Amino acid sequence: MEGKNRSKKFKIGSVYYEFSGREIKDKYSQTELEKIMHFLSYWSDINFDKTDAYIYFDDLEKELVPPELTPADRKRFIEYLKKEIEVVNK
């Protein structure tokens, strides 16, 4: 595991996270969509652990949920992610 991830509390597969965008159903402006997609690709394409392909994090809502999401999409998105989250450090 990369050094920066040793102290994180949770992990989720970067490929699983990549497909989380399917849970976004509400209407957004083009600018909002670009921000959301950029946010998702940052985690799934850039900021995953290169040794095991997991995304390590401490706070699901602060780190992995795009801030532009509507309340309904936020709820769907979080429910989807919670299905695959694993505890790393208690």
N, C-alpha and C. Protein backbone atom coordinates (compact mmCIF):
# COMPACT_ATOMS: atom_id res chain seq x y z
N MET A 1 0.84 -1.17 0.00
CA MET A 1 0.00 0.00 0.00
C MET A 1 0.89 1.24 0.00
N GLU A 2 0.50 2.22 -0.77
CA GLU A 2 1.27 3.46 -0.81
C GLU A 2 1.26 4.13 0.56
N GLY A 3 2.34 4.78 0.91
CA GLY A 3 2.49 5.40 2.21
C GLY A 3 1.36 6.34 2.61
N LYS A 4 0.85 7.11 1.67
CA LYS A 4 -0.20 8.08 1.99
C LYS A 4 -1.50 7.42 2.43
N ASN A 5 -1.66 6.13 2.15
CA ASN A 5 -2.90 5.45 2.47
C ASN A 5 -2.86 4.63 3.76
N ARG A 6 -1.73 4.53 4.36
CA ARG A 6 -1.59 3.69 5.56
C ARG A 6 -2.50 4.10 6.71
N SER A 7 -2.85 5.35 6.80
CA SER A 7 -3.65 5.80 7.94
C SER A 7 -5.13 6.02 7.60
N LYS A 8 -5.54 5.75 6.41
CA LYS A 8 -6.94 5.95 6.02
C LYS A 8 -7.83 4.91 6.66
N LYS A 9 -9.10 5.24 6.87
CA LYS A 9 -10.04 4.35 7.57
C LYS A 9 -10.75 3.37 6.64
N PHE A 10 -10.99 3.77 5.39
CA PHE A 10 -11.82 2.96 4.49
C PHE A 10 -11.17 2.84 3.11
N LYS A 11 -11.67 1.86 2.35
CA LYS A 11 -11.24 1.74 0.96
C LYS A 11 -12.41 1.26 0.12
N ILE A 12 -12.33 1.58 -1.17
CA ILE A 12 -13.32 1.14 -2.15
C ILE A 12 -12.58 0.94 -3.47
N GLY A 13 -12.99 -0.02 -4.24
CA GLY A 13 -12.34 -0.29 -5.51
C GLY A 13 -12.49 0.88 -6.47
N SER A 14 -11.41 1.27 -7.11
CA SER A 14 -11.46 2.42 -8.02
C SER A 14 -12.36 2.14 -9.22
N VAL A 15 -12.43 0.89 -9.68
CA VAL A 15 -13.31 0.55 -10.80
C VAL A 15 -14.77 0.65 -10.37
N TYR A 16 -15.07 0.17 -9.18
CA TYR A 16 -16.44 0.29 -8.65
C TYR A 16 -16.82 1.77 -8.54
N TYR A 17 -15.92 2.57 -8.02
CA TYR A 17 -16.19 4.01 -7.89
C TYR A 17 -16.38 4.65 -9.26
N GLU A 18 -15.60 4.23 -10.23
CA GLU A 18 -15.70 4.79 -11.58
C GLU A 18 -17.12 4.66 -12.13
N PHE A 19 -17.78 3.56 -11.83
CA PHE A 19 -19.13 3.33 -12.34
C PHE A 19 -20.20 3.97 -11.47
N SER A 20 -19.82 4.65 -10.41
CA SER A 20 -20.80 5.30 -9.54
C SER A 20 -21.54 6.42 -10.26
N GLY A 21 -20.96 6.93 -11.32
CA GLY A 21 -21.62 7.98 -12.10
C GLY A 21 -22.96 7.56 -12.66
N ARG A 22 -23.18 6.27 -12.79
CA ARG A 22 -24.48 5.78 -13.27
C ARG A 22 -25.61 6.08 -12.30
N GLU A 23 -25.28 6.34 -11.06
CA GLU A 23 -26.29 6.64 -10.04
C GLU A 23 -26.77 8.08 -10.11
N ILE A 24 -26.14 8.89 -10.93
CA ILE A 24 -26.51 10.29 -11.07
C ILE A 24 -27.61 10.38 -12.12
N LYS A 25 -28.81 10.75 -11.68
CA LYS A 25 -29.99 10.71 -12.55
C LYS A 25 -30.62 12.08 -12.80
N ASP A 26 -30.40 13.04 -11.91
CA ASP A 26 -31.05 14.33 -12.03
C ASP A 26 -30.43 15.17 -13.16
N LYS A 27 -31.09 16.28 -13.48
CA LYS A 27 -30.62 17.16 -14.55
C LYS A 27 -29.63 18.18 -13.99
N TYR A 28 -28.55 18.40 -14.75
CA TYR A 28 -27.51 19.35 -14.38
C TYR A 28 -27.14 20.18 -15.59
N SER A 29 -26.61 21.37 -15.33
CA SER A 29 -26.10 22.19 -16.43
C SER A 29 -24.82 21.55 -16.97
N GLN A 30 -24.40 21.97 -18.11
CA GLN A 30 -23.18 21.45 -18.70
C GLN A 30 -21.98 21.70 -17.79
N THR A 31 -21.93 22.87 -17.19
CA THR A 31 -20.84 23.22 -16.28
C THR A 31 -20.84 22.31 -15.06
N GLU A 32 -22.02 22.08 -14.48
CA GLU A 32 -22.11 21.19 -13.33
C GLU A 32 -21.69 19.77 -13.68
N LEU A 33 -22.14 19.29 -14.84
CA LEU A 33 -21.76 17.94 -15.28
C LEU A 33 -20.25 17.81 -15.46
N GLU A 34 -19.64 18.83 -16.03
CA GLU A 34 -18.18 18.79 -16.20
C GLU A 34 -17.47 18.73 -14.86
N LYS A 35 -17.96 19.50 -13.89
CA LYS A 35 -17.36 19.48 -12.55
C LYS A 35 -17.53 18.10 -11.90
N ILE A 36 -18.71 17.53 -12.04
CA ILE A 36 -18.99 16.21 -11.46
C ILE A 36 -18.08 15.16 -12.10
N MET A 37 -18.00 15.15 -13.41
CA MET A 37 -17.18 14.16 -14.10
C MET A 37 -15.68 14.34 -13.78
N HIS A 38 -15.26 15.58 -13.67
CA HIS A 38 -13.87 15.85 -13.28
C HIS A 38 -13.60 15.31 -11.88
N PHE A 39 -14.53 15.55 -10.97
CA PHE A 39 -14.42 15.06 -9.59
C PHE A 39 -14.31 13.54 -9.58
N LEU A 40 -15.21 12.86 -10.28
CA LEU A 40 -15.20 11.40 -10.32
C LEU A 40 -13.93 10.86 -10.94
N SER A 41 -13.48 11.46 -12.03
CA SER A 41 -12.28 10.95 -12.70
C SER A 41 -11.02 11.21 -11.87
N TYR A 42 -11.02 12.26 -11.06
CA TYR A 42 -9.87 12.51 -10.19
C TYR A 42 -9.64 11.29 -9.29
N TRP A 43 -10.70 10.77 -8.70
CA TRP A 43 -10.57 9.63 -7.79
C TRP A 43 -10.37 8.32 -8.54
N SER A 44 -11.12 8.09 -9.60
CA SER A 44 -11.05 6.78 -10.26
C SER A 44 -9.87 6.66 -11.22
N ASP A 45 -9.39 7.77 -11.75
CA ASP A 45 -8.31 7.71 -12.74
C ASP A 45 -6.95 8.18 -12.21
N ILE A 46 -6.94 8.99 -11.18
CA ILE A 46 -5.68 9.61 -10.73
C ILE A 46 -5.34 9.27 -9.28
N ASN A 47 -6.28 9.44 -8.38
CA ASN A 47 -5.96 9.37 -6.95
C ASN A 47 -6.26 8.01 -6.31
N PHE A 48 -6.09 6.94 -7.04
CA PHE A 48 -6.25 5.62 -6.44
C PHE A 48 -4.87 5.07 -6.11
N ASP A 49 -4.83 4.11 -5.22
CA ASP A 49 -3.56 3.51 -4.80
C ASP A 49 -3.04 2.64 -5.95
N LYS A 50 -1.87 2.95 -6.43
CA LYS A 50 -1.31 2.26 -7.61
C LYS A 50 -0.84 0.84 -7.29
N THR A 51 -0.76 0.48 -6.01
CA THR A 51 -0.31 -0.88 -5.67
C THR A 51 -1.46 -1.88 -5.63
N ASP A 52 -2.68 -1.40 -5.35
CA ASP A 52 -3.80 -2.35 -5.27
C ASP A 52 -5.09 -1.86 -5.92
N ALA A 53 -5.09 -0.69 -6.54
CA ALA A 53 -6.22 -0.12 -7.27
C ALA A 53 -7.43 0.20 -6.40
N TYR A 54 -7.20 0.48 -5.13
CA TYR A 54 -8.27 0.93 -4.25
C TYR A 54 -8.16 2.43 -4.02
N ILE A 55 -9.28 3.04 -3.71
CA ILE A 55 -9.32 4.43 -3.27
C ILE A 55 -9.41 4.38 -1.75
N TYR A 56 -8.49 5.03 -1.08
CA TYR A 56 -8.49 5.06 0.39
C TYR A 56 -8.97 6.43 0.84
N PHE A 57 -9.82 6.45 1.86
CA PHE A 57 -10.40 7.71 2.31
C PHE A 57 -10.81 7.62 3.78
N ASP A 58 -11.08 8.76 4.37
CA ASP A 58 -11.53 8.83 5.76
C ASP A 58 -13.00 9.21 5.88
N ASP A 59 -13.48 10.09 5.01
CA ASP A 59 -14.84 10.60 5.12
C ASP A 59 -15.51 10.52 3.75
N LEU A 60 -16.46 9.62 3.63
CA LEU A 60 -17.14 9.38 2.35
C LEU A 60 -17.72 10.65 1.76
N GLU A 61 -18.52 11.36 2.54
CA GLU A 61 -19.22 12.52 2.00
C GLU A 61 -18.29 13.68 1.66
N LYS A 62 -17.27 13.90 2.46
CA LYS A 62 -16.36 15.01 2.20
C LYS A 62 -15.39 14.71 1.06
N GLU A 63 -15.01 13.46 0.91
CA GLU A 63 -13.97 13.13 -0.06
C GLU A 63 -14.48 12.57 -1.39
N LEU A 64 -15.51 11.74 -1.37
CA LEU A 64 -15.89 11.01 -2.58
C LEU A 64 -17.21 11.41 -3.22
N VAL A 65 -17.96 12.31 -2.59
CA VAL A 65 -19.25 12.72 -3.14
C VAL A 65 -19.12 14.09 -3.78
N PRO A 66 -19.40 14.19 -5.09
CA PRO A 66 -19.32 15.50 -5.74
C PRO A 66 -20.26 16.51 -5.08
N PRO A 67 -19.78 17.69 -4.74
CA PRO A 67 -20.62 18.67 -4.04
C PRO A 67 -21.78 19.19 -4.88
N GLU A 68 -21.73 19.05 -6.19
CA GLU A 68 -22.78 19.57 -7.06
C GLU A 68 -24.05 18.72 -7.08
N LEU A 69 -24.01 17.54 -6.50
CA LEU A 69 -25.15 16.63 -6.59
C LEU A 69 -26.38 17.17 -5.86
N THR A 70 -27.54 16.91 -6.44
CA THR A 70 -28.79 17.25 -5.78
C THR A 70 -28.96 16.33 -4.56
N PRO A 71 -29.83 16.67 -3.63
CA PRO A 71 -30.04 15.78 -2.47
C PRO A 71 -30.45 14.35 -2.86
N ALA A 72 -31.30 14.20 -3.86
CA ALA A 72 -31.72 12.86 -4.28
C ALA A 72 -30.56 12.08 -4.88
N ASP A 73 -29.78 12.72 -5.72
CA ASP A 73 -28.61 12.05 -6.30
C ASP A 73 -27.56 11.75 -5.24
N ARG A 74 -27.38 12.65 -4.31
CA ARG A 74 -26.42 12.44 -3.22
C ARG A 74 -26.80 11.17 -2.45
N LYS A 75 -28.08 11.02 -2.15
CA LYS A 75 -28.55 9.85 -1.41
C LYS A 75 -28.31 8.57 -2.21
N ARG A 76 -28.69 8.58 -3.50
CA ARG A 76 -28.47 7.40 -4.36
C ARG A 76 -26.99 7.06 -4.46
N PHE A 77 -26.19 8.07 -4.65
CA PHE A 77 -24.75 7.92 -4.82
C PHE A 77 -24.12 7.29 -3.56
N ILE A 78 -24.47 7.81 -2.40
CA ILE A 78 -23.92 7.30 -1.14
C ILE A 78 -24.38 5.87 -0.89
N GLU A 79 -25.64 5.58 -1.15
CA GLU A 79 -26.15 4.21 -0.96
C GLU A 79 -25.39 3.23 -1.85
N TYR A 80 -25.14 3.64 -3.08
CA TYR A 80 -24.39 2.79 -4.01
C TYR A 80 -22.97 2.53 -3.49
N LEU A 81 -22.28 3.57 -3.07
CA LEU A 81 -20.91 3.42 -2.59
C LEU A 81 -20.82 2.58 -1.32
N LYS A 82 -21.77 2.75 -0.42
CA LYS A 82 -21.73 2.03 0.86
C LYS A 82 -21.75 0.52 0.69
N LYS A 83 -22.25 0.04 -0.43
CA LYS A 83 -22.31 -1.41 -0.68
C LYS A 83 -20.93 -2.03 -0.80
N GLU A 84 -19.93 -1.26 -1.18
CA GLU A 84 -18.60 -1.82 -1.45
C GLU A 84 -17.49 -1.25 -0.57
N ILE A 85 -17.82 -0.45 0.40
CA ILE A 85 -16.79 0.15 1.26
C ILE A 85 -16.28 -0.91 2.24
N GLU A 86 -14.97 -0.94 2.37
CA GLU A 86 -14.33 -1.85 3.33
C GLU A 86 -13.61 -1.03 4.38
N VAL A 87 -13.67 -1.47 5.62
CA VAL A 87 -12.95 -0.82 6.72
C VAL A 87 -11.50 -1.29 6.67
N VAL A 88 -10.58 -0.35 6.76
CA VAL A 88 -9.16 -0.67 6.73
C VAL A 88 -8.55 -0.54 8.11
N ASN A 89 -8.69 0.63 8.71
CA ASN A 89 -8.13 0.89 10.04
C ASN A 89 -9.26 1.31 10.97
N LYS A 90 -9.42 0.60 12.06
CA LYS A 90 -10.49 0.94 13.01
C LYS A 90 -9.99 1.90 14.06
